[in-house]
Amino acid sequence: MSELRKPTVVCKIGGSVIDGVDPSIIEDVKNLRSQGLNVIFVHGGGDQVTATAEKLGKVQKFITSPEGIKSRYTDKETAEIFTMVMSGLLAKQISQTLQKNGINAITLTGMDGLLLRADRKKKLIILDERGRKVAIEGGYTGKINSVNTALLDILLSASLVPIISPVAAGEEFELLNVDGDRACSHVAGAVKAEASVFLTDTEGLILNGAVVSRLTTKEARAALPSIGSGMDKKVIAAAEAVEMGAKRSVIASGLKAHPLQNALDSKGTVIVS
C-alpha cells in the first residue's frame, strides 16, 4: 500500500446513488472526506443492463452454478451492451449526482489504465433445467486477478472519488463482465481498505429471522448453504475482501438515512478475519 494513501472506504452500490440508496449518502461522503478518509465507489446495474439489452433485441440468459449462485451469461454482444450501459449512462449519472453536490468524481472501468485485469473463464459448470451439472463455453466473463492500485493512488491524491464500473480487461484486452460485488472486494483488498461496504435493501444478512451482527470469514462461508440467492454473492465478496486485506466488511441497508456512516458504525452485518 502507498505510504501516502489515506485510510480508504470502498462502497458497493447499485446502479444509482439515488435510486435504492438514501440521498444522505452524499453527506456521508463529504463527512468522511473531511475526516481524512478516501471513498471509492463500485457500482452495479444489472437490471438496467437487462432492460437495455432487451430493448436492443438481445434476450438475456441467466445461469446457475452448482452452488446455486445465479449470474448473467455473457457472450461478446452482451459484453458490449454491458460495458455500454455500465460505464456509459449509469457511471455518468452517479458522477453527475456527486458533482452536483460538490464532490469531484471520475468514472472508469477496469479497462481504463488497466485498473482491473481478469482471467477469462474458458468453461463454466452450470446446472441445466433438470439440475444436472453441464459444462458450457465461458463467454466473456472474468475472474479478477489484479488491481492497479498505483492508478487509484493518483486519483485519490487528486481528491477525486473513483466510480468503478465492473468491466475488466482480459488477457487479450477483451472486455469482460465481472461481478460488481467481487470487483468491490478485490479493490478493497488491494487498497487494504478500512472497510468494504455492501449496501443492499435489507438490514444485513438475515438468518432465522434476525440480522446477524457479526461473523468471521470462516463462519460466513459456513453459512452460505443457508443464504438465499443474491445475498450469497455479497457474503462471499464480503469475506473475500477481508481475506485479501480489508480490515472488515459490512453488509448494510442503503435505504436508511446516512447508510454509509451507519455501515461504518457497524449497523449491519460485520465480517472480520
C-alpha atoms as a PDB file:
ATOM      1  CA  MET A   1       0.000   0.000   0.000  1.00  0.00           C
ATOM      2  CA  SER A   2       1.207   3.503  -0.782  1.00  0.00           C
ATOM      3  CA  GLU A   3       2.552   5.282   2.288  1.00  0.00           C
ATOM      4  CA  LEU A   4       0.727   8.401   1.076  1.00  0.00           C
ATOM      5  CA  ARG A   5      -2.699   6.818   0.807  1.00  0.00           C
ATOM      6  CA  LYS A   6      -5.206   7.890   3.410  1.00  0.00           C
ATOM      7  CA  PRO A   7      -7.492   5.308   5.029  1.00  0.00           C
ATOM      8  CA  THR A   8      -9.990   4.246   2.389  1.00  0.00           C
ATOM      9  CA  VAL A   9     -13.585   3.043   2.348  1.00  0.00           C
ATOM     10  CA  VAL A  10     -14.745   1.083  -0.693  1.00  0.00           C
ATOM     11  CA  CYS A  11     -18.517   1.050  -1.150  1.00  0.00           C
ATOM     12  CA  LYS A  12     -20.592  -1.105  -3.488  1.00  0.00           C
ATOM     13  CA  ILE A  13     -23.848   0.482  -4.601  1.00  0.00           C
ATOM     14  CA  GLY A  14     -26.423  -0.437  -7.226  1.00  0.00           C
ATOM     15  CA  GLY A  15     -26.811   1.412 -10.493  1.00  0.00           C
ATOM     16  CA  SER A  16     -27.524   4.765  -8.847  1.00  0.00           C
ATOM     17  CA  VAL A  17     -26.669   6.772  -5.752  1.00  0.00           C
ATOM     18  CA  ILE A  18     -30.264   7.991  -5.661  1.00  0.00           C
ATOM     19  CA  ASP A  19     -32.475   5.055  -6.670  1.00  0.00           C
ATOM     20  CA  GLY A  20     -32.204   2.434  -3.957  1.00  0.00           C
ATOM     21  CA  VAL A  21     -29.805   4.440  -1.763  1.00  0.00           C
ATOM     22  CA  ASP A  22     -30.807   7.166   0.662  1.00  0.00           C
ATOM     23  CA  PRO A  23     -29.669  10.571  -0.693  1.00  0.00           C
ATOM     24  CA  SER A  24     -27.943  11.340   2.619  1.00  0.00           C
ATOM     25  CA  ILE A  25     -25.089   9.126   1.424  1.00  0.00           C
ATOM     26  CA  ILE A  26     -23.814  12.324  -0.218  1.00  0.00           C
ATOM     27  CA  GLU A  27     -23.468  13.940   3.202  1.00  0.00           C
ATOM     28  CA  ASP A  28     -21.728  10.785   4.440  1.00  0.00           C
ATOM     29  CA  VAL A  29     -19.149  11.017   1.666  1.00  0.00           C
ATOM     30  CA  LYS A  30     -18.488  14.679   2.424  1.00  0.00           C
ATOM     31  CA  ASN A  31     -18.104  13.976   6.151  1.00  0.00           C
ATOM     32  CA  LEU A  32     -15.750  11.045   5.605  1.00  0.00           C
ATOM     33  CA  ARG A  33     -13.570  13.059   3.261  1.00  0.00           C
ATOM     34  CA  SER A  34     -13.464  15.949   5.745  1.00  0.00           C
ATOM     35  CA  GLN A  35     -12.221  13.436   8.335  1.00  0.00           C
ATOM     36  CA  GLY A  36      -9.343  12.431   6.051  1.00  0.00           C
ATOM     37  CA  LEU A  37     -10.779   9.246   4.533  1.00  0.00           C
ATOM     38  CA  ASN A  38     -10.862   8.383   0.863  1.00  0.00           C
ATOM     39  CA  VAL A  39     -14.026   6.952  -0.683  1.00  0.00           C
ATOM     40  CA  ILE A  40     -14.194   4.661  -3.717  1.00  0.00           C
ATOM     41  CA  PHE A  41     -17.465   3.530  -5.263  1.00  0.00           C
ATOM     42  CA  VAL A  42     -18.002   0.337  -7.224  1.00  0.00           C
ATOM     43  CA  HIS A  43     -21.431   0.212  -8.839  1.00  0.00           C
ATOM     44  CA  GLY A  44     -23.770  -2.387 -10.272  1.00  0.00           C
ATOM     45  CA  GLY A  45     -26.768  -2.005 -12.532  1.00  0.00           C
ATOM     46  CA  GLY A  46     -27.736  -5.436 -13.774  1.00  0.00           C
ATOM     47  CA  ASP A  47     -31.422  -4.597 -14.107  1.00  0.00           C
ATOM     48  CA  GLN A  48     -30.611  -1.618 -16.321  1.00  0.00           C
ATOM     49  CA  VAL A  49     -28.347  -3.792 -18.478  1.00  0.00           C
ATOM     50  CA  THR A  50     -31.138  -6.324 -18.926  1.00  0.00           C
ATOM     51  CA  ALA A  51     -33.697  -3.652 -19.820  1.00  0.00           C
ATOM     52  CA  THR A  52     -31.393  -2.021 -22.396  1.00  0.00           C
ATOM     53  CA  ALA A  53     -30.353  -5.342 -23.922  1.00  0.00           C
ATOM     54  CA  GLU A  54     -33.961  -6.383 -24.390  1.00  0.00           C
ATOM     55  CA  LYS A  55     -34.798  -3.019 -25.990  1.00  0.00           C
ATOM     56  CA  LEU A  56     -31.996  -3.771 -28.449  1.00  0.00           C
ATOM     57  CA  GLY A  57     -33.482  -7.204 -29.138  1.00  0.00           C
ATOM     58  CA  LYS A  58     -30.808  -9.124 -27.240  1.00  0.00           C
ATOM     59  CA  VAL A  59     -32.500 -11.668 -24.977  1.00  0.00           C
ATOM     60  CA  GLN A  60     -30.549 -12.149 -21.751  1.00  0.00           C
ATOM     61  CA  LYS A  61     -29.683 -15.597 -20.468  1.00  0.00           C
ATOM     62  CA  PHE A  62     -29.108 -16.343 -16.799  1.00  0.00           C
ATOM     63  CA  ILE A  63     -27.318 -19.406 -15.466  1.00  0.00           C
ATOM     64  CA  THR A  64     -26.995 -21.103 -12.075  1.00  0.00           C
ATOM     65  CA  SER A  65     -23.784 -22.534 -10.655  1.00  0.00           C
ATOM     66  CA  PRO A  66     -23.713 -25.863  -8.788  1.00  0.00           C
ATOM     67  CA  GLU A  67     -23.555 -23.773  -5.585  1.00  0.00           C
ATOM     68  CA  GLY A  68     -26.857 -22.152  -6.542  1.00  0.00           C
ATOM     69  CA  ILE A  69     -25.412 -18.753  -7.460  1.00  0.00           C
ATOM     70  CA  LYS A  70     -27.210 -17.095 -10.389  1.00  0.00           C
ATOM     71  CA  SER A  71     -25.415 -14.902 -12.918  1.00  0.00           C
ATOM     72  CA  ARG A  72     -25.727 -13.437 -16.390  1.00  0.00           C
ATOM     73  CA  TYR A  73     -24.354 -15.463 -19.297  1.00  0.00           C
ATOM     74  CA  THR A  74     -22.212 -13.014 -21.236  1.00  0.00           C
ATOM     75  CA  ASP A  75     -21.442 -13.565 -24.903  1.00  0.00           C
ATOM     76  CA  LYS A  76     -19.494 -10.955 -26.910  1.00  0.00           C
ATOM     77  CA  GLU A  77     -22.547  -8.876 -27.824  1.00  0.00           C
ATOM     78  CA  THR A  78     -23.806  -8.906 -24.250  1.00  0.00           C
ATOM     79  CA  ALA A  79     -20.343  -7.855 -23.010  1.00  0.00           C
ATOM     80  CA  GLU A  80     -20.505  -4.846 -25.316  1.00  0.00           C
ATOM     81  CA  ILE A  81     -24.008  -3.898 -24.132  1.00  0.00           C
ATOM     82  CA  PHE A  82     -22.935  -4.460 -20.516  1.00  0.00           C
ATOM     83  CA  THR A  83     -19.980  -2.090 -20.986  1.00  0.00           C
ATOM     84  CA  MET A  84     -22.107   0.497 -22.785  1.00  0.00           C
ATOM     85  CA  VAL A  85     -24.717   0.646 -20.031  1.00  0.00           C
ATOM     86  CA  MET A  86     -22.430   0.311 -17.019  1.00  0.00           C
ATOM     87  CA  SER A  87     -19.615   2.654 -17.999  1.00  0.00           C
ATOM     88  CA  GLY A  88     -21.797   4.908 -20.139  1.00  0.00           C
ATOM     89  CA  LEU A  89     -25.036   6.235 -18.725  1.00  0.00           C
ATOM     90  CA  LEU A  90     -25.011   4.632 -15.259  1.00  0.00           C
ATOM     91  CA  ALA A  91     -21.496   5.689 -14.297  1.00  0.00           C
ATOM     92  CA  LYS A  92     -22.045   9.199 -15.628  1.00  0.00           C
ATOM     93  CA  GLN A  93     -25.322   9.572 -13.728  1.00  0.00           C
ATOM     94  CA  ILE A  94     -23.543   8.653 -10.494  1.00  0.00           C
ATOM     95  CA  SER A  95     -20.781  11.124 -11.302  1.00  0.00           C
ATOM     96  CA  GLN A  96     -23.389  13.763 -12.130  1.00  0.00           C
ATOM     97  CA  THR A  97     -25.040  13.338  -8.725  1.00  0.00           C
ATOM     98  CA  LEU A  98     -21.719  13.658  -6.908  1.00  0.00           C
ATOM     99  CA  GLN A  99     -20.567  16.642  -8.975  1.00  0.00           C
ATOM    100  CA  LYS A 100     -23.842  18.498  -8.384  1.00  0.00           C
ATOM    101  CA  ASN A 101     -23.173  18.154  -4.678  1.00  0.00           C
ATOM    102  CA  GLY A 102     -19.615  19.444  -4.797  1.00  0.00           C
ATOM    103  CA  ILE A 103     -17.816  16.087  -4.819  1.00  0.00           C
ATOM    104  CA  ASN A 104     -15.299  15.787  -7.643  1.00  0.00           C
ATOM    105  CA  ALA A 105     -15.589  12.295  -9.132  1.00  0.00           C
ATOM    106  CA  ILE A 106     -14.141  10.315 -12.011  1.00  0.00           C
ATOM    107  CA  THR A 107     -15.611   7.269 -13.751  1.00  0.00           C
ATOM    108  CA  LEU A 108     -13.586   4.388 -15.090  1.00  0.00           C
ATOM    109  CA  THR A 109     -13.785   0.721 -15.968  1.00  0.00           C
ATOM    110  CA  GLY A 110     -11.197  -1.927 -15.369  1.00  0.00           C
ATOM    111  CA  MET A 111     -10.031  -1.371 -18.958  1.00  0.00           C
ATOM    112  CA  ASP A 112      -9.077   2.243 -18.206  1.00  0.00           C
ATOM    113  CA  GLY A 113      -5.472   2.370 -17.065  1.00  0.00           C
ATOM    114  CA  LEU A 114      -5.807  -1.410 -16.776  1.00  0.00           C
ATOM    115  CA  LEU A 115      -7.368  -0.853 -13.388  1.00  0.00           C
ATOM    116  CA  LEU A 116      -8.838  -4.377 -13.251  1.00  0.00           C
ATOM    117  CA  ARG A 117      -7.256  -7.323 -15.040  1.00  0.00           C
ATOM    118  CA  ALA A 118      -9.104 -10.626 -15.182  1.00  0.00           C
ATOM    119  CA  ASP A 119      -8.753 -14.176 -16.427  1.00  0.00           C
ATOM    120  CA  ARG A 120     -11.435 -15.019 -18.949  1.00  0.00           C
ATOM    121  CA  LYS A 121     -13.402 -18.064 -17.871  1.00  0.00           C
ATOM    122  CA  LYS A 122     -12.913 -20.651 -20.600  1.00  0.00           C
ATOM    123  CA  LYS A 123     -15.558 -23.053 -19.296  1.00  0.00           C
ATOM    124  CA  LEU A 124     -18.471 -22.709 -16.904  1.00  0.00           C
ATOM    125  CA  ILE A 125     -20.020 -25.535 -14.929  1.00  0.00           C
ATOM    126  CA  ILE A 126     -23.733 -24.855 -14.561  1.00  0.00           C
ATOM    127  CA  LEU A 127     -26.945 -26.649 -13.686  1.00  0.00           C
ATOM    128  CA  ASP A 128     -29.240 -27.465 -16.609  1.00  0.00           C
ATOM    129  CA  GLU A 129     -33.057 -27.479 -16.483  1.00  0.00           C
ATOM    130  CA  ARG A 130     -33.002 -30.881 -14.789  1.00  0.00           C
ATOM    131  CA  GLY A 131     -30.466 -29.835 -12.176  1.00  0.00           C
ATOM    132  CA  ARG A 132     -27.602 -31.734 -13.794  1.00  0.00           C
ATOM    133  CA  LYS A 133     -24.072 -30.332 -13.983  1.00  0.00           C
ATOM    134  CA  VAL A 134     -23.023 -29.442 -17.516  1.00  0.00           C
ATOM    135  CA  ALA A 135     -20.049 -27.587 -18.984  1.00  0.00           C
ATOM    136  CA  ILE A 136     -20.602 -24.674 -21.359  1.00  0.00           C
ATOM    137  CA  GLU A 137     -18.321 -22.225 -23.166  1.00  0.00           C
ATOM    138  CA  GLY A 138     -17.254 -19.491 -20.757  1.00  0.00           C
ATOM    139  CA  GLY A 139     -18.169 -16.484 -22.852  1.00  0.00           C
ATOM    140  CA  TYR A 140     -16.960 -13.056 -21.777  1.00  0.00           C
ATOM    141  CA  THR A 141     -16.982 -13.266 -18.005  1.00  0.00           C
ATOM    142  CA  GLY A 142     -13.846 -12.913 -15.954  1.00  0.00           C
ATOM    143  CA  LYS A 143     -12.247 -13.576 -12.599  1.00  0.00           C
ATOM    144  CA  ILE A 144     -10.234 -10.571 -11.378  1.00  0.00           C
ATOM    145  CA  ASN A 145      -6.540 -11.275 -10.865  1.00  0.00           C
ATOM    146  CA  SER A 146      -5.065  -7.808 -10.244  1.00  0.00           C
ATOM    147  CA  VAL A 147      -5.943  -4.231  -9.308  1.00  0.00           C
ATOM    148  CA  ASN A 148      -3.862  -1.244 -10.410  1.00  0.00           C
ATOM    149  CA  THR A 149      -3.542   0.449  -7.023  1.00  0.00           C
ATOM    150  CA  ALA A 150      -0.954   2.919  -8.377  1.00  0.00           C
ATOM    151  CA  LEU A 151      -3.658   4.397 -10.617  1.00  0.00           C
ATOM    152  CA  LEU A 152      -6.073   4.624  -7.684  1.00  0.00           C
ATOM    153  CA  ASP A 153      -3.392   6.375  -5.624  1.00  0.00           C
ATOM    154  CA  ILE A 154      -3.003   9.026  -8.338  1.00  0.00           C
ATOM    155  CA  LEU A 155      -6.757   9.628  -8.469  1.00  0.00           C
ATOM    156  CA  LEU A 156      -7.192   9.672  -4.692  1.00  0.00           C
ATOM    157  CA  SER A 157      -4.225  12.011  -4.223  1.00  0.00           C
ATOM    158  CA  ALA A 158      -6.008  14.417  -6.606  1.00  0.00           C
ATOM    159  CA  SER A 159      -9.011  14.388  -4.226  1.00  0.00           C
ATOM    160  CA  LEU A 160     -11.157  12.527  -6.743  1.00  0.00           C
ATOM    161  CA  VAL A 161     -13.789   9.935  -5.869  1.00  0.00           C
ATOM    162  CA  PRO A 162     -13.329   6.999  -8.280  1.00  0.00           C
ATOM    163  CA  ILE A 163     -16.534   5.397  -9.582  1.00  0.00           C
ATOM    164  CA  ILE A 164     -15.645   1.965 -10.916  1.00  0.00           C
ATOM    165  CA  SER A 165     -17.796   0.019 -13.375  1.00  0.00           C
ATOM    166  CA  PRO A 166     -17.438  -3.790 -13.171  1.00  0.00           C
ATOM    167  CA  VAL A 167     -15.783  -4.316 -16.559  1.00  0.00           C
ATOM    168  CA  ALA A 168     -12.282  -5.824 -16.593  1.00  0.00           C
ATOM    169  CA  ALA A 169      -9.544  -6.201 -19.182  1.00  0.00           C
ATOM    170  CA  GLY A 170      -8.848  -9.781 -20.176  1.00  0.00           C
ATOM    171  CA  GLU A 171      -5.513 -11.333 -21.121  1.00  0.00           C
ATOM    172  CA  GLU A 172      -6.066 -10.308 -24.746  1.00  0.00           C
ATOM    173  CA  PHE A 173      -7.625  -6.989 -23.676  1.00  0.00           C
ATOM    174  CA  GLU A 174     -11.141  -8.210 -24.313  1.00  0.00           C
ATOM    175  CA  LEU A 175     -13.974  -6.579 -22.346  1.00  0.00           C
ATOM    176  CA  LEU A 176     -15.034  -8.923 -19.550  1.00  0.00           C
ATOM    177  CA  ASN A 177     -18.099  -8.777 -17.337  1.00  0.00           C
ATOM    178  CA  VAL A 178     -17.037  -9.176 -13.707  1.00  0.00           C
ATOM    179  CA  ASP A 179     -19.385  -9.346 -10.738  1.00  0.00           C
ATOM    180  CA  GLY A 180     -19.773  -5.938  -9.078  1.00  0.00           C
ATOM    181  CA  ASP A 181     -19.607  -7.315  -5.546  1.00  0.00           C
ATOM    182  CA  ARG A 182     -16.409  -9.192  -6.353  1.00  0.00           C
ATOM    183  CA  ALA A 183     -14.963  -6.084  -8.005  1.00  0.00           C
ATOM    184  CA  CYS A 184     -15.620  -4.261  -4.731  1.00  0.00           C
ATOM    185  CA  SER A 185     -13.926  -6.991  -2.699  1.00  0.00           C
ATOM    186  CA  HIS A 186     -10.829  -7.040  -4.914  1.00  0.00           C
ATOM    187  CA  VAL A 187     -10.464  -3.255  -4.848  1.00  0.00           C
ATOM    188  CA  ALA A 188     -10.991  -3.157  -1.086  1.00  0.00           C
ATOM    189  CA  GLY A 189      -8.483  -5.926  -0.536  1.00  0.00           C
ATOM    190  CA  ALA A 190      -5.898  -4.360  -2.826  1.00  0.00           C
ATOM    191  CA  VAL A 191      -6.014  -0.941  -1.126  1.00  0.00           C
ATOM    192  CA  LYS A 192      -6.152  -2.546   2.353  1.00  0.00           C
ATOM    193  CA  ALA A 193      -9.383  -0.673   2.993  1.00  0.00           C
ATOM    194  CA  GLU A 194     -10.569   0.357   6.417  1.00  0.00           C
ATOM    195  CA  ALA A 195     -13.873  -1.164   5.335  1.00  0.00           C
ATOM    196  CA  SER A 196     -15.593  -2.616   2.319  1.00  0.00           C
ATOM    197  CA  VAL A 197     -19.270  -1.712   2.464  1.00  0.00           C
ATOM    198  CA  PHE A 198     -22.001  -3.538   0.543  1.00  0.00           C
ATOM    199  CA  LEU A 199     -25.231  -1.542   0.550  1.00  0.00           C
ATOM    200  CA  THR A 200     -28.375  -3.537  -0.077  1.00  0.00           C
ATOM    201  CA  ASP A 201     -32.142  -3.436   0.501  1.00  0.00           C
ATOM    202  CA  THR A 202     -32.022  -5.340   3.787  1.00  0.00           C
ATOM    203  CA  GLU A 203     -30.600  -4.560   7.233  1.00  0.00           C
ATOM    204  CA  GLY A 204     -27.800  -7.036   6.624  1.00  0.00           C
ATOM    205  CA  LEU A 205     -27.542 -10.805   6.460  1.00  0.00           C
ATOM    206  CA  ILE A 206     -30.734 -12.261   7.884  1.00  0.00           C
ATOM    207  CA  LEU A 207     -30.706 -15.815   9.222  1.00  0.00           C
ATOM    208  CA  ASN A 208     -33.515 -17.442  11.203  1.00  0.00           C
ATOM    209  CA  GLY A 209     -35.482 -14.202  11.028  1.00  0.00           C
ATOM    210  CA  ALA A 210     -32.825 -11.996  12.615  1.00  0.00           C
ATOM    211  CA  VAL A 211     -29.954  -9.846  11.391  1.00  0.00           C
ATOM    212  CA  VAL A 212     -26.579 -11.445  12.040  1.00  0.00           C
ATOM    213  CA  SER A 213     -24.458  -8.727  13.652  1.00  0.00           C
ATOM    214  CA  ARG A 214     -21.003 -10.252  13.321  1.00  0.00           C
ATOM    215  CA  LEU A 215     -19.306 -13.178  11.597  1.00  0.00           C
ATOM    216  CA  THR A 216     -15.792 -14.333  10.953  1.00  0.00           C
ATOM    217  CA  THR A 217     -14.909 -15.099   7.340  1.00  0.00           C
ATOM    218  CA  LYS A 218     -14.942 -18.800   8.221  1.00  0.00           C
ATOM    219  CA  GLU A 219     -18.407 -18.533   9.771  1.00  0.00           C
ATOM    220  CA  ALA A 220     -19.656 -16.545   6.779  1.00  0.00           C
ATOM    221  CA  ARG A 221     -18.558 -19.228   4.335  1.00  0.00           C
ATOM    222  CA  ALA A 222     -20.033 -21.961   6.507  1.00  0.00           C
ATOM    223  CA  ALA A 223     -23.387 -20.160   6.441  1.00  0.00           C
ATOM    224  CA  LEU A 224     -23.569 -19.960   2.631  1.00  0.00           C
ATOM    225  CA  PRO A 225     -25.852 -23.020   2.159  1.00  0.00           C
ATOM    226  CA  SER A 226     -28.461 -21.246   4.315  1.00  0.00           C
ATOM    227  CA  ILE A 227     -28.284 -17.929   2.446  1.00  0.00           C
ATOM    228  CA  GLY A 228     -30.636 -17.038  -0.394  1.00  0.00           C
ATOM    229  CA  SER A 229     -29.759 -16.092  -3.956  1.00  0.00           C
ATOM    230  CA  GLY A 230     -28.367 -12.589  -4.311  1.00  0.00           C
ATOM    231  CA  MET A 231     -27.224 -12.211  -0.716  1.00  0.00           C
ATOM    232  CA  ASP A 232     -24.928 -15.227  -1.129  1.00  0.00           C
ATOM    233  CA  LYS A 233     -22.752 -13.311  -3.601  1.00  0.00           C
ATOM    234  CA  LYS A 234     -22.486 -10.372  -1.218  1.00  0.00           C
ATOM    235  CA  VAL A 235     -21.439 -12.622   1.663  1.00  0.00           C
ATOM    236  CA  ILE A 236     -18.790 -14.308  -0.491  1.00  0.00           C
ATOM    237  CA  ALA A 237     -17.482 -10.932  -1.638  1.00  0.00           C
ATOM    238  CA  ALA A 238     -17.515  -9.525   1.890  1.00  0.00           C
ATOM    239  CA  ALA A 239     -15.500 -12.477   3.163  1.00  0.00           C
ATOM    240  CA  GLU A 240     -13.090 -12.242   0.230  1.00  0.00           C
ATOM    241  CA  ALA A 241     -12.429  -8.557   0.868  1.00  0.00           C
ATOM    242  CA  VAL A 242     -11.258  -9.323   4.398  1.00  0.00           C
ATOM    243  CA  GLU A 243      -9.249 -12.341   3.268  1.00  0.00           C
ATOM    244  CA  MET A 244      -7.495 -10.141   0.699  1.00  0.00           C
ATOM    245  CA  GLY A 245      -6.577  -7.368   3.109  1.00  0.00           C
ATOM    246  CA  ALA A 246      -9.538  -5.161   4.064  1.00  0.00           C
ATOM    247  CA  LYS A 247      -9.877  -4.661   7.805  1.00  0.00           C
ATOM    248  CA  ARG A 248     -13.572  -5.523   7.785  1.00  0.00           C
ATOM    249  CA  SER A 249     -16.610  -5.794   5.569  1.00  0.00           C
ATOM    250  CA  VAL A 250     -20.113  -4.578   6.337  1.00  0.00           C
ATOM    251  CA  ILE A 251     -23.355  -5.584   4.632  1.00  0.00           C
ATOM    252  CA  ALA A 252     -25.902  -2.921   5.476  1.00  0.00           C
ATOM    253  CA  SER A 253     -29.078  -1.179   4.370  1.00  0.00           C
ATOM    254  CA  GLY A 254     -28.749   1.504   1.733  1.00  0.00           C
ATOM    255  CA  LEU A 255     -32.321   2.632   2.357  1.00  0.00           C
ATOM    256  CA  LYS A 256     -31.901   4.279   5.768  1.00  0.00           C
ATOM    257  CA  ALA A 257     -30.614   7.782   6.382  1.00  0.00           C
ATOM    258  CA  HIS A 258     -26.814   8.014   6.368  1.00  0.00           C
ATOM    259  CA  PRO A 259     -26.308   4.496   5.012  1.00  0.00           C
ATOM    260  CA  LEU A 260     -22.538   4.703   4.645  1.00  0.00           C
ATOM    261  CA  GLN A 261     -21.961   6.142   8.118  1.00  0.00           C
ATOM    262  CA  ASN A 262     -24.349   3.563   9.601  1.00  0.00           C
ATOM    263  CA  ALA A 263     -22.356   0.775   7.978  1.00  0.00           C
ATOM    264  CA  LEU A 264     -19.112   2.161   9.377  1.00  0.00           C
ATOM    265  CA  ASP A 265     -20.825   2.306  12.777  1.00  0.00           C
ATOM    266  CA  SER A 266     -21.394  -1.479  12.398  1.00  0.00           C
ATOM    267  CA  LYS A 267     -25.157  -1.178  11.878  1.00  0.00           C
ATOM    268  CA  GLY A 268     -25.497  -4.247   9.692  1.00  0.00           C
ATOM    269  CA  THR A 269     -23.583  -7.494   9.370  1.00  0.00           C
ATOM    270  CA  VAL A 270     -19.869  -7.086  10.076  1.00  0.00           C
ATOM    271  CA  ILE A 271     -17.446  -9.683   8.726  1.00  0.00           C
ATOM    272  CA  VAL A 272     -13.920  -9.855  10.121  1.00  0.00           C
ATOM    273  CA  SER A 273     -10.952 -12.214   9.881  1.00  0.00           C
END
